[in-house]
PDB file of all heavy atoms in Angstrom:
ATOM      1  N   ALA A   1      90.183 101.630 153.321  1.00  0.00           N
ATOM      2  CA  ALA A   1      91.044 101.401 152.147  1.00  0.00           C
ATOM      3  C   ALA A   1      90.527 100.233 151.337  1.00  0.00           C
ATOM      4  O   ALA A   1      90.506 100.270 150.099  1.00  0.00           O
ATOM      5  CB  ALA A   1      92.494 101.171 152.586  1.00  0.00           C
ATOM      6  N   LEU A   2      90.161  99.161 152.028  1.00  0.00           N
ATOM      7  CA  LEU A   2      89.641  97.997 151.295  1.00  0.00           C
ATOM      8  C   LEU A   2      88.350  98.335 150.561  1.00  0.00           C
ATOM      9  O   LEU A   2      88.124  97.881 149.443  1.00  0.00           O
ATOM     10  CB  LEU A   2      89.414  96.849 152.271  1.00  0.00           C
ATOM     11  CG  LEU A   2      90.699  96.214 152.844  1.00  0.00           C
ATOM     12  CD1 LEU A   2      90.359  95.188 153.917  1.00  0.00           C
ATOM     13  CD2 LEU A   2      91.509  95.570 151.728  1.00  0.00           C
ATOM     14  N   ALA A   3      87.531  99.133 151.204  1.00  0.00           N
ATOM     15  CA  ALA A   3      86.286  99.514 150.545  1.00  0.00           C
ATOM     16  C   ALA A   3      86.549 100.335 149.283  1.00  0.00           C
ATOM     17  O   ALA A   3      85.878 100.187 148.266  1.00  0.00           O
ATOM     18  CB  ALA A   3      85.417 100.303 151.514  1.00  0.00           C
ATOM     19  N   ALA A   4      87.568 101.195 149.341  1.00  0.00           N
ATOM     20  CA  ALA A   4      87.905 102.018 148.162  1.00  0.00           C
ATOM     21  C   ALA A   4      88.423 101.158 147.033  1.00  0.00           C
ATOM     22  O   ALA A   4      88.110 101.375 145.865  1.00  0.00           O
ATOM     23  CB  ALA A   4      88.933 103.094 148.544  1.00  0.00           C
ATOM     24  N   CYS A   5      89.254 100.173 147.382  1.00  0.00           N
ATOM     25  CA  CYS A   5      89.809  99.298 146.341  1.00  0.00           C
ATOM     26  C   CYS A   5      88.730  98.446 145.718  1.00  0.00           C
ATOM     27  O   CYS A   5      88.842  98.004 144.576  1.00  0.00           O
ATOM     28  CB  CYS A   5      90.898  98.410 146.930  1.00  0.00           C
ATOM     29  SG  CYS A   5      92.378  99.343 147.394  1.00  0.00           S
ATOM     30  N   ALA A   6      87.702  98.195 146.410  1.00  0.00           N
ATOM     31  CA  ALA A   6      86.649  97.332 145.895  1.00  0.00           C
ATOM     32  C   ALA A   6      85.714  98.040 144.935  1.00  0.00           C
ATOM     33  O   ALA A   6      84.883  97.418 144.308  1.00  0.00           O
ATOM     34  CB  ALA A   6      85.845  96.768 147.084  1.00  0.00           C
ATOM     35  N   LYS A   7      85.862  99.401 144.753  1.00  0.00           N
ATOM     36  CA  LYS A   7      84.989 100.143 143.850  1.00  0.00           C
ATOM     37  C   LYS A   7      85.315  99.786 142.387  1.00  0.00           C
ATOM     38  O   LYS A   7      86.482  99.576 142.032  1.00  0.00           O
ATOM     39  CB  LYS A   7      85.152 101.648 144.044  1.00  0.00           C
ATOM     40  CG  LYS A   7      84.586 102.116 145.368  1.00  0.00           C
ATOM     41  CD  LYS A   7      84.743 103.619 145.474  1.00  0.00           C
ATOM     42  CE  LYS A   7      84.133 104.131 146.796  1.00  0.00           C
ATOM     43  NZ  LYS A   7      84.290 105.591 146.920  1.00  0.00           N
ATOM     44  N   PRO A   8      84.312  99.698 141.542  1.00  0.00           N
ATOM     45  CA  PRO A   8      84.566  99.380 140.120  1.00  0.00           C
ATOM     46  C   PRO A   8      85.377 100.488 139.444  1.00  0.00           C
ATOM     47  O   PRO A   8      85.273 101.655 139.774  1.00  0.00           O
ATOM     48  CB  PRO A   8      83.163  99.275 139.530  1.00  0.00           C
ATOM     49  CG  PRO A   8      82.295 100.083 140.443  1.00  0.00           C
ATOM     50  CD  PRO A   8      82.881  99.951 141.794  1.00  0.00           C
ATOM     51  N   ALA A   9      86.301 100.083 138.365  1.00  0.00           N
ATOM     52  CA  ALA A   9      87.167 101.054 137.639  1.00  0.00           C
ATOM     53  C   ALA A   9      86.317 101.964 136.781  1.00  0.00           C
ATOM     54  O   ALA A   9      85.262 101.583 136.270  1.00  0.00           O
ATOM     55  CB  ALA A   9      88.170 100.312 136.763  1.00  0.00           C
ATOM     56  N   ALA A  10      86.848 103.198 136.580  1.00  0.00           N
ATOM     57  CA  ALA A  10      86.136 104.171 135.745  1.00  0.00           C
ATOM     58  C   ALA A  10      86.221 103.774 134.274  1.00  0.00           C
ATOM     59  O   ALA A  10      87.196 103.171 133.823  1.00  0.00           O
ATOM     60  CB  ALA A  10      86.732 105.569 135.948  1.00  0.00           C
ATOM     61  N   ALA A  11      85.219 104.102 133.489  1.00  0.00           N
ATOM     62  CA  ALA A  11      85.197 103.792 132.048  1.00  0.00           C
ATOM     63  C   ALA A  11      86.290 104.565 131.323  1.00  0.00           C
ATOM     64  O   ALA A  11      86.555 105.720 131.640  1.00  0.00           O
ATOM     65  CB  ALA A  11      83.829 104.156 131.488  1.00  0.00           C
ATOM     66  N   PRO A  12      87.041 103.955 130.303  1.00  0.00           N
ATOM     67  CA  PRO A  12      88.135 104.637 129.586  1.00  0.00           C
ATOM     68  C   PRO A  12      87.602 105.806 128.739  1.00  0.00           C
ATOM     69  O   PRO A  12      86.484 105.758 128.237  1.00  0.00           O
ATOM     70  CB  PRO A  12      88.698 103.533 128.706  1.00  0.00           C
ATOM     71  CG  PRO A  12      87.591 102.544 128.539  1.00  0.00           C
ATOM     72  CD  PRO A  12      86.813 102.592 129.818  1.00  0.00           C
ATOM     73  N   LEU A  13      88.494 106.848 128.571  1.00  0.00           N
ATOM     74  CA  LEU A  13      88.131 108.011 127.757  1.00  0.00           C
ATOM     75  C   LEU A  13      88.195 107.658 126.272  1.00  0.00           C
ATOM     76  O   LEU A  13      89.024 106.845 125.825  1.00  0.00           O
ATOM     77  CB  LEU A  13      89.074 109.182 128.051  1.00  0.00           C
ATOM     78  CG  LEU A  13      89.049 109.720 129.497  1.00  0.00           C
ATOM     79  CD1 LEU A  13      90.122 110.776 129.662  1.00  0.00           C
ATOM     80  CD2 LEU A  13      87.667 110.278 129.816  1.00  0.00           C
ATOM     81  N   ASN A  14      87.376 108.252 125.416  1.00  0.00           N
ATOM     82  CA  ASN A  14      87.368 108.044 123.958  1.00  0.00           C
ATOM     83  C   ASN A  14      88.396 109.000 123.319  1.00  0.00           C
ATOM     84  O   ASN A  14      88.061 110.113 122.921  1.00  0.00           O
ATOM     85  CB  ASN A  14      85.964 108.309 123.425  1.00  0.00           C
ATOM     86  CG  ASN A  14      85.868 107.946 121.940  1.00  0.00           C
ATOM     87  OD1 ASN A  14      86.753 107.273 121.415  1.00  0.00           O
ATOM     88  ND2 ASN A  14      84.791 108.394 121.302  1.00  0.00           N
ATOM     89  N   PHE A  15      89.740 108.549 123.128  1.00  0.00           N
ATOM     90  CA  PHE A  15      90.843 109.409 122.651  1.00  0.00           C
ATOM     91  C   PHE A  15      90.953 109.330 121.123  1.00  0.00           C
ATOM     92  O   PHE A  15      90.971 108.236 120.550  1.00  0.00           O
ATOM     93  CB  PHE A  15      92.166 108.969 123.276  1.00  0.00           C
ATOM     94  CG  PHE A  15      93.347 109.733 122.775  1.00  0.00           C
ATOM     95  CD1 PHE A  15      93.598 111.026 123.205  1.00  0.00           C
ATOM     96  CD2 PHE A  15      94.188 109.168 121.829  1.00  0.00           C
ATOM     97  CE1 PHE A  15      94.688 111.725 122.729  1.00  0.00           C
ATOM     98  CE2 PHE A  15      95.267 109.863 121.355  1.00  0.00           C
ATOM     99  CZ  PHE A  15      95.522 111.153 121.815  1.00  0.00           C
ATOM    100  N   GLU A  16      91.054 110.476 120.441  1.00  0.00           N
ATOM    101  CA  GLU A  16      91.246 110.538 118.976  1.00  0.00           C
ATOM    102  C   GLU A  16      92.491 111.378 118.684  1.00  0.00           C
ATOM    103  O   GLU A  16      92.639 112.494 119.184  1.00  0.00           O
ATOM    104  CB  GLU A  16      90.029 111.175 118.298  1.00  0.00           C
ATOM    105  CG  GLU A  16      90.163 111.224 116.780  1.00  0.00           C
ATOM    106  CD  GLU A  16      88.928 111.790 116.122  1.00  0.00           C
ATOM    107  OE1 GLU A  16      87.950 112.084 116.831  1.00  0.00           O
ATOM    108  OE2 GLU A  16      88.959 111.948 114.868  1.00  0.00           O
ATOM    109  N   ARG A  17      93.425 110.785 117.841  1.00  0.00           N
ATOM    110  CA  ARG A  17      94.687 111.467 117.512  1.00  0.00           C
ATOM    111  C   ARG A  17      94.391 112.730 116.699  1.00  0.00           C
ATOM    112  O   ARG A  17      93.633 112.671 115.717  1.00  0.00           O
ATOM    113  CB  ARG A  17      95.589 110.534 116.710  1.00  0.00           C
ATOM    114  CG  ARG A  17      96.973 111.111 116.436  1.00  0.00           C
ATOM    115  CD  ARG A  17      97.865 110.045 115.837  1.00  0.00           C
ATOM    116  NE  ARG A  17      99.196 110.581 115.615  1.00  0.00           N
ATOM    117  CZ  ARG A  17     100.241 109.870 115.199  1.00  0.00           C
ATOM    118  NH1 ARG A  17     100.063 108.567 114.973  1.00  0.00           N
ATOM    119  NH2 ARG A  17     101.405 110.413 115.029  1.00  0.00           N
ATOM    120  N   PRO A  18      95.012 113.850 117.034  1.00  0.00           N
ATOM    121  CA  PRO A  18      94.754 115.090 116.293  1.00  0.00           C
ATOM    122  C   PRO A  18      95.348 114.999 114.890  1.00  0.00           C
ATOM    123  O   PRO A  18      96.309 114.256 114.650  1.00  0.00           O
ATOM    124  CB  PRO A  18      95.453 116.160 117.130  1.00  0.00           C
ATOM    125  CG  PRO A  18      96.507 115.425 117.872  1.00  0.00           C
ATOM    126  CD  PRO A  18      95.942 114.055 118.155  1.00  0.00           C
ATOM    127  N   PRO A  19      94.828 115.751 113.930  1.00  0.00           N
ATOM    128  CA  PRO A  19      95.379 115.747 112.565  1.00  0.00           C
ATOM    129  C   PRO A  19      96.851 116.173 112.562  1.00  0.00           C
ATOM    130  O   PRO A  19      97.263 117.081 113.292  1.00  0.00           O
ATOM    131  CB  PRO A  19      94.511 116.753 111.818  1.00  0.00           C
ATOM    132  CG  PRO A  19      93.251 116.842 112.616  1.00  0.00           C
ATOM    133  CD  PRO A  19      93.651 116.635 114.050  1.00  0.00           C
ATOM    134  N   ALA A  20      97.625 115.490 111.739  1.00  0.00           N
ATOM    135  CA  ALA A  20      99.059 115.816 111.636  1.00  0.00           C
ATOM    136  C   ALA A  20      99.236 117.064 110.774  1.00  0.00           C
ATOM    137  O   ALA A  20      98.710 117.132 109.659  1.00  0.00           O
ATOM    138  CB  ALA A  20      99.820 114.647 111.030  1.00  0.00           C
ATOM    139  N   PRO A  21      99.980 118.059 111.262  1.00  0.00           N
ATOM    140  CA  PRO A  21     100.222 119.258 110.449  1.00  0.00           C
ATOM    141  C   PRO A  21     101.238 118.950 109.339  1.00  0.00           C
ATOM    142  O   PRO A  21     102.320 118.420 109.602  1.00  0.00           O
ATOM    143  CB  PRO A  21     100.783 120.263 111.455  1.00  0.00           C
ATOM    144  CG  PRO A  21     101.396 119.419 112.527  1.00  0.00           C
ATOM    145  CD  PRO A  21     100.601 118.144 112.602  1.00  0.00           C
ATOM    146  N   VAL A  22     100.895 119.252 108.104  1.00  0.00           N
ATOM    147  CA  VAL A  22     101.781 118.974 106.975  1.00  0.00           C
ATOM    148  C   VAL A  22     101.749 120.147 106.002  1.00  0.00           C
ATOM    149  O   VAL A  22     100.884 121.003 106.073  1.00  0.00           O
ATOM    150  CB  VAL A  22     101.361 117.684 106.232  1.00  0.00           C
ATOM    151  CG1 VAL A  22     101.470 116.464 107.136  1.00  0.00           C
ATOM    152  CG2 VAL A  22      99.945 117.822 105.670  1.00  0.00           C
ATOM    153  N   GLU A  23     102.715 120.128 105.100  1.00  0.00           N
ATOM    154  CA  GLU A  23     102.705 121.012 103.936  1.00  0.00           C
ATOM    155  C   GLU A  23     102.590 120.137 102.707  1.00  0.00           C
ATOM    156  O   GLU A  23     103.192 119.059 102.634  1.00  0.00           O
ATOM    157  CB  GLU A  23     103.975 121.861 103.869  1.00  0.00           C
ATOM    158  CG  GLU A  23     104.094 122.857 105.006  1.00  0.00           C
ATOM    159  CD  GLU A  23     105.356 123.705 104.889  1.00  0.00           C
ATOM    160  OE1 GLU A  23     105.973 123.676 103.805  1.00  0.00           O
ATOM    161  OE2 GLU A  23     105.718 124.366 105.872  1.00  0.00           O
ATOM    162  N   ALA A  24     101.841 120.587 101.722  1.00  0.00           N
ATOM    163  CA  ALA A  24     101.589 119.777 100.538  1.00  0.00           C
ATOM    164  C   ALA A  24     101.831 120.602  99.281  1.00  0.00           C
ATOM    165  O   ALA A  24     101.881 121.829  99.318  1.00  0.00           O
ATOM    166  CB  ALA A  24     100.162 119.237 100.555  1.00  0.00           C
ATOM    167  N   ALA A  25     101.997 119.884  98.187  1.00  0.00           N
ATOM    168  CA  ALA A  25     102.143 120.528  96.876  1.00  0.00           C
ATOM    169  C   ALA A  25     101.335 119.739  95.875  1.00  0.00           C
ATOM    170  O   ALA A  25     101.096 118.544  96.030  1.00  0.00           O
ATOM    171  CB  ALA A  25     103.608 120.581  96.462  1.00  0.00           C
ATOM    172  N   VAL A  26     100.919 120.426  94.838  1.00  0.00           N
ATOM    173  CA  VAL A  26     100.099 119.798  93.804  1.00  0.00           C
ATOM    174  C   VAL A  26     101.003 119.211  92.728  1.00  0.00           C
ATOM    175  O   VAL A  26     101.839 119.918  92.148  1.00  0.00           O
ATOM    176  CB  VAL A  26      99.138 120.822  93.177  1.00  0.00           C
ATOM    177  CG1 VAL A  26      98.306 120.170  92.080  1.00  0.00           C
ATOM    178  CG2 VAL A  26      98.239 121.421  94.246  1.00  0.00           C
ATOM    179  N   ALA A  27     100.884 117.916  92.466  1.00  0.00           N
ATOM    180  CA  ALA A  27     101.644 117.281  91.389  1.00  0.00           C
ATOM    181  C   ALA A  27     101.185 117.853  90.058  1.00  0.00           C
ATOM    182  O   ALA A  27      99.995 118.053  89.817  1.00  0.00           O
ATOM    183  CB  ALA A  27     101.437 115.771  91.419  1.00  0.00           C
ATOM    184  N   SER A  28     102.142 118.137  89.201  1.00  0.00           N
ATOM    185  CA  SER A  28     101.834 118.823  87.948  1.00  0.00           C
ATOM    186  C   SER A  28     102.367 118.033  86.768  1.00  0.00           C
ATOM    187  O   SER A  28     103.434 117.413  86.850  1.00  0.00           O
ATOM    188  CB  SER A  28     102.438 120.222  87.949  1.00  0.00           C
ATOM    189  OG  SER A  28     102.172 120.887  86.741  1.00  0.00           O
ATOM    190  N   GLY A  29     101.629 118.064  85.681  1.00  0.00           N
ATOM    191  CA  GLY A  29     102.077 117.441  84.448  1.00  0.00           C
ATOM    192  C   GLY A  29     102.737 118.464  83.548  1.00  0.00           C
ATOM    193  O   GLY A  29     102.097 119.434  83.146  1.00  0.00           O
ATOM    194  N   ARG A  30     104.005 118.269  83.258  1.00  0.00           N
ATOM    195  CA  ARG A  30     104.749 119.235  82.445  1.00  0.00           C
ATOM    196  C   ARG A  30     105.645 118.497  81.462  1.00  0.00           C
ATOM    197  O   ARG A  30     106.044 117.365  81.692  1.00  0.00           O
ATOM    198  CB  ARG A  30     105.598 120.157  83.321  1.00  0.00           C
ATOM    199  CG  ARG A  30     104.783 121.003  84.276  1.00  0.00           C
ATOM    200  CD  ARG A  30     105.683 121.970  85.026  1.00  0.00           C
ATOM    201  NE  ARG A  30     104.924 122.734  86.005  1.00  0.00           N
ATOM    202  CZ  ARG A  30     104.228 123.822  85.704  1.00  0.00           C
ATOM    203  NH1 ARG A  30     104.196 124.263  84.468  1.00  0.00           N
ATOM    204  NH2 ARG A  30     103.547 124.472  86.643  1.00  0.00           N
ATOM    205  N   ASP A  31     105.972 119.200  80.384  1.00  0.00           N
ATOM    206  CA  ASP A  31     106.913 118.653  79.415  1.00  0.00           C
ATOM    207  C   ASP A  31     108.331 118.882  79.924  1.00  0.00           C
ATOM    208  O   ASP A  31     108.736 120.017  80.186  1.00  0.00           O
ATOM    209  CB  ASP A  31     106.757 119.342  78.055  1.00  0.00           C
ATOM    210  CG  ASP A  31     105.413 119.045  77.416  1.00  0.00           C
ATOM    211  OD1 ASP A  31     104.777 118.059  77.830  1.00  0.00           O
ATOM    212  OD2 ASP A  31     105.013 119.790  76.506  1.00  0.00           O
ATOM    213  N   VAL A  32     109.080 117.807  80.078  1.00  0.00           N
ATOM    214  CA  VAL A  32     110.468 117.906  80.497  1.00  0.00           C
ATOM    215  C   VAL A  32     111.319 117.139  79.478  1.00  0.00           C
ATOM    216  O   VAL A  32     110.849 116.776  78.410  1.00  0.00           O
ATOM    217  CB  VAL A  32     110.663 117.341  81.922  1.00  0.00           C
ATOM    218  CG1 VAL A  32     109.939 118.207  82.934  1.00  0.00           C
ATOM    219  CG2 VAL A  32     110.193 115.895  82.025  1.00  0.00           C
ATOM    220  N   ALA A  33     112.549 116.915  79.806  1.00  0.00           N
ATOM    221  CA  ALA A  33     113.458 116.251  78.870  1.00  0.00           C
ATOM    222  C   ALA A  33     114.221 115.146  79.577  1.00  0.00           C
ATOM    223  O   ALA A  33     114.551 115.250  80.755  1.00  0.00           O
ATOM    224  CB  ALA A  33     114.432 117.256  78.266  1.00  0.00           C
ATOM    225  N   VAL A  34     114.526 114.093  78.806  1.00  0.00           N
ATOM    226  CA  VAL A  34     115.436 113.052  79.284  1.00  0.00           C
ATOM    227  C   VAL A  34     116.852 113.552  79.033  1.00  0.00           C
ATOM    228  O   VAL A  34     117.157 114.087  77.963  1.00  0.00           O
ATOM    229  CB  VAL A  34     115.188 111.726  78.545  1.00  0.00           C
ATOM    230  CG1 VAL A  34     116.164 110.651  79.017  1.00  0.00           C
ATOM    231  CG2 VAL A  34     113.754 111.266  78.769  1.00  0.00           C
ATOM    232  N   TYR A  35     117.735 113.393  79.978  1.00  0.00           N
ATOM    233  CA  TYR A  35     119.053 113.997  79.883  1.00  0.00           C
ATOM    234  C   TYR A  35     120.112 113.087  80.489  1.00  0.00           C
ATOM    235  O   TYR A  35     119.815 112.093  81.150  1.00  0.00           O
ATOM    236  CB  TYR A  35     119.069 115.358  80.598  1.00  0.00           C
ATOM    237  CG  TYR A  35     118.747 115.260  82.080  1.00  0.00           C
ATOM    238  CD1 TYR A  35     119.741 114.978  83.003  1.00  0.00           C
ATOM    239  CD2 TYR A  35     117.441 115.419  82.534  1.00  0.00           C
ATOM    240  CE1 TYR A  35     119.448 114.866  84.355  1.00  0.00           C
ATOM    241  CE2 TYR A  35     117.136 115.309  83.876  1.00  0.00           C
ATOM    242  CZ  TYR A  35     118.148 115.036  84.782  1.00  0.00           C
ATOM    243  OH  TYR A  35     117.847 114.915  86.107  1.00  0.00           O
ATOM    244  N   ILE A  36     121.356 113.463  80.247  1.00  0.00           N
ATOM    245  CA  ILE A  36     122.512 112.828  80.885  1.00  0.00           C
ATOM    246  C   ILE A  36     123.332 113.940  81.519  1.00  0.00           C
ATOM    247  O   ILE A  36     123.688 114.914  80.846  1.00  0.00           O
ATOM    248  CB  ILE A  36     123.372 112.050  79.876  1.00  0.00           C
ATOM    249  CG1 ILE A  36     122.569 110.910  79.249  1.00  0.00           C
ATOM    250  CG2 ILE A  36     124.627 111.496  80.548  1.00  0.00           C
ATOM    251  CD1 ILE A  36     123.302 110.192  78.129  1.00  0.00           C
ATOM    252  N   ASP A  37     123.612 113.822  82.804  1.00  0.00           N
ATOM    253  CA  ASP A  37     124.450 114.799  83.497  1.00  0.00           C
ATOM    254  C   ASP A  37     125.894 114.321  83.529  1.00  0.00           C
ATOM    255  O   ASP A  37     126.168 113.117  83.651  1.00  0.00           O
ATOM    256  CB  ASP A  37     123.958 115.015  84.924  1.00  0.00           C
ATOM    257  CG  ASP A  37     122.790 115.993  84.983  1.00  0.00           C
ATOM    258  OD1 ASP A  37     122.613 116.743  84.011  1.00  0.00           O
ATOM    259  OD2 ASP A  37     122.059 115.989  85.986  1.00  0.00           O
ATOM    260  N   ALA A  38     126.806 115.257  83.417  1.00  0.00           N
ATOM    261  CA  ALA A  38     128.229 114.917  83.438  1.00  0.00           C
ATOM    262  C   ALA A  38     129.020 116.122  83.912  1.00  0.00           C
ATOM    263  O   ALA A  38     128.505 117.241  83.984  1.00  0.00           O
ATOM    264  CB  ALA A  38     128.707 114.489  82.051  1.00  0.00           C
ATOM    265  N   ILE A  39     130.261 115.872  84.256  1.00  0.00           N
ATOM    266  CA  ILE A  39     131.217 116.935  84.585  1.00  0.00           C
ATOM    267  C   ILE A  39     132.203 117.030  83.429  1.00  0.00           C
ATOM    268  O   ILE A  39     132.800 116.033  83.024  1.00  0.00           O
ATOM    269  CB  ILE A  39     131.960 116.653  85.898  1.00  0.00           C
ATOM    270  CG1 ILE A  39     130.982 116.608  87.061  1.00  0.00           C
ATOM    271  CG2 ILE A  39     133.015 117.723  86.141  1.00  0.00           C
ATOM    272  CD1 ILE A  39     130.267 117.920  87.338  1.00  0.00           C
ATOM    273  N   GLY A  40     132.330 118.227  82.873  1.00  0.00           N
ATOM    274  CA  GLY A  40     133.242 118.437  81.756  1.00  0.00           C
ATOM    275  C   GLY A  40     134.268 119.509  82.063  1.00  0.00           C
ATOM    276  O   GLY A  40     134.387 119.989  83.189  1.00  0.00           O
TER     277      GLY A  40
END
């Protein structure tokens, strides 16, 4: 047991986080209007 404990530690693994799955949309330039919302 002592001999086993005296063995050097194994080298760490090279871990890389996987790409995050997302949904995206393209920002668009459009003519809109300035407005006021109300309840009538």
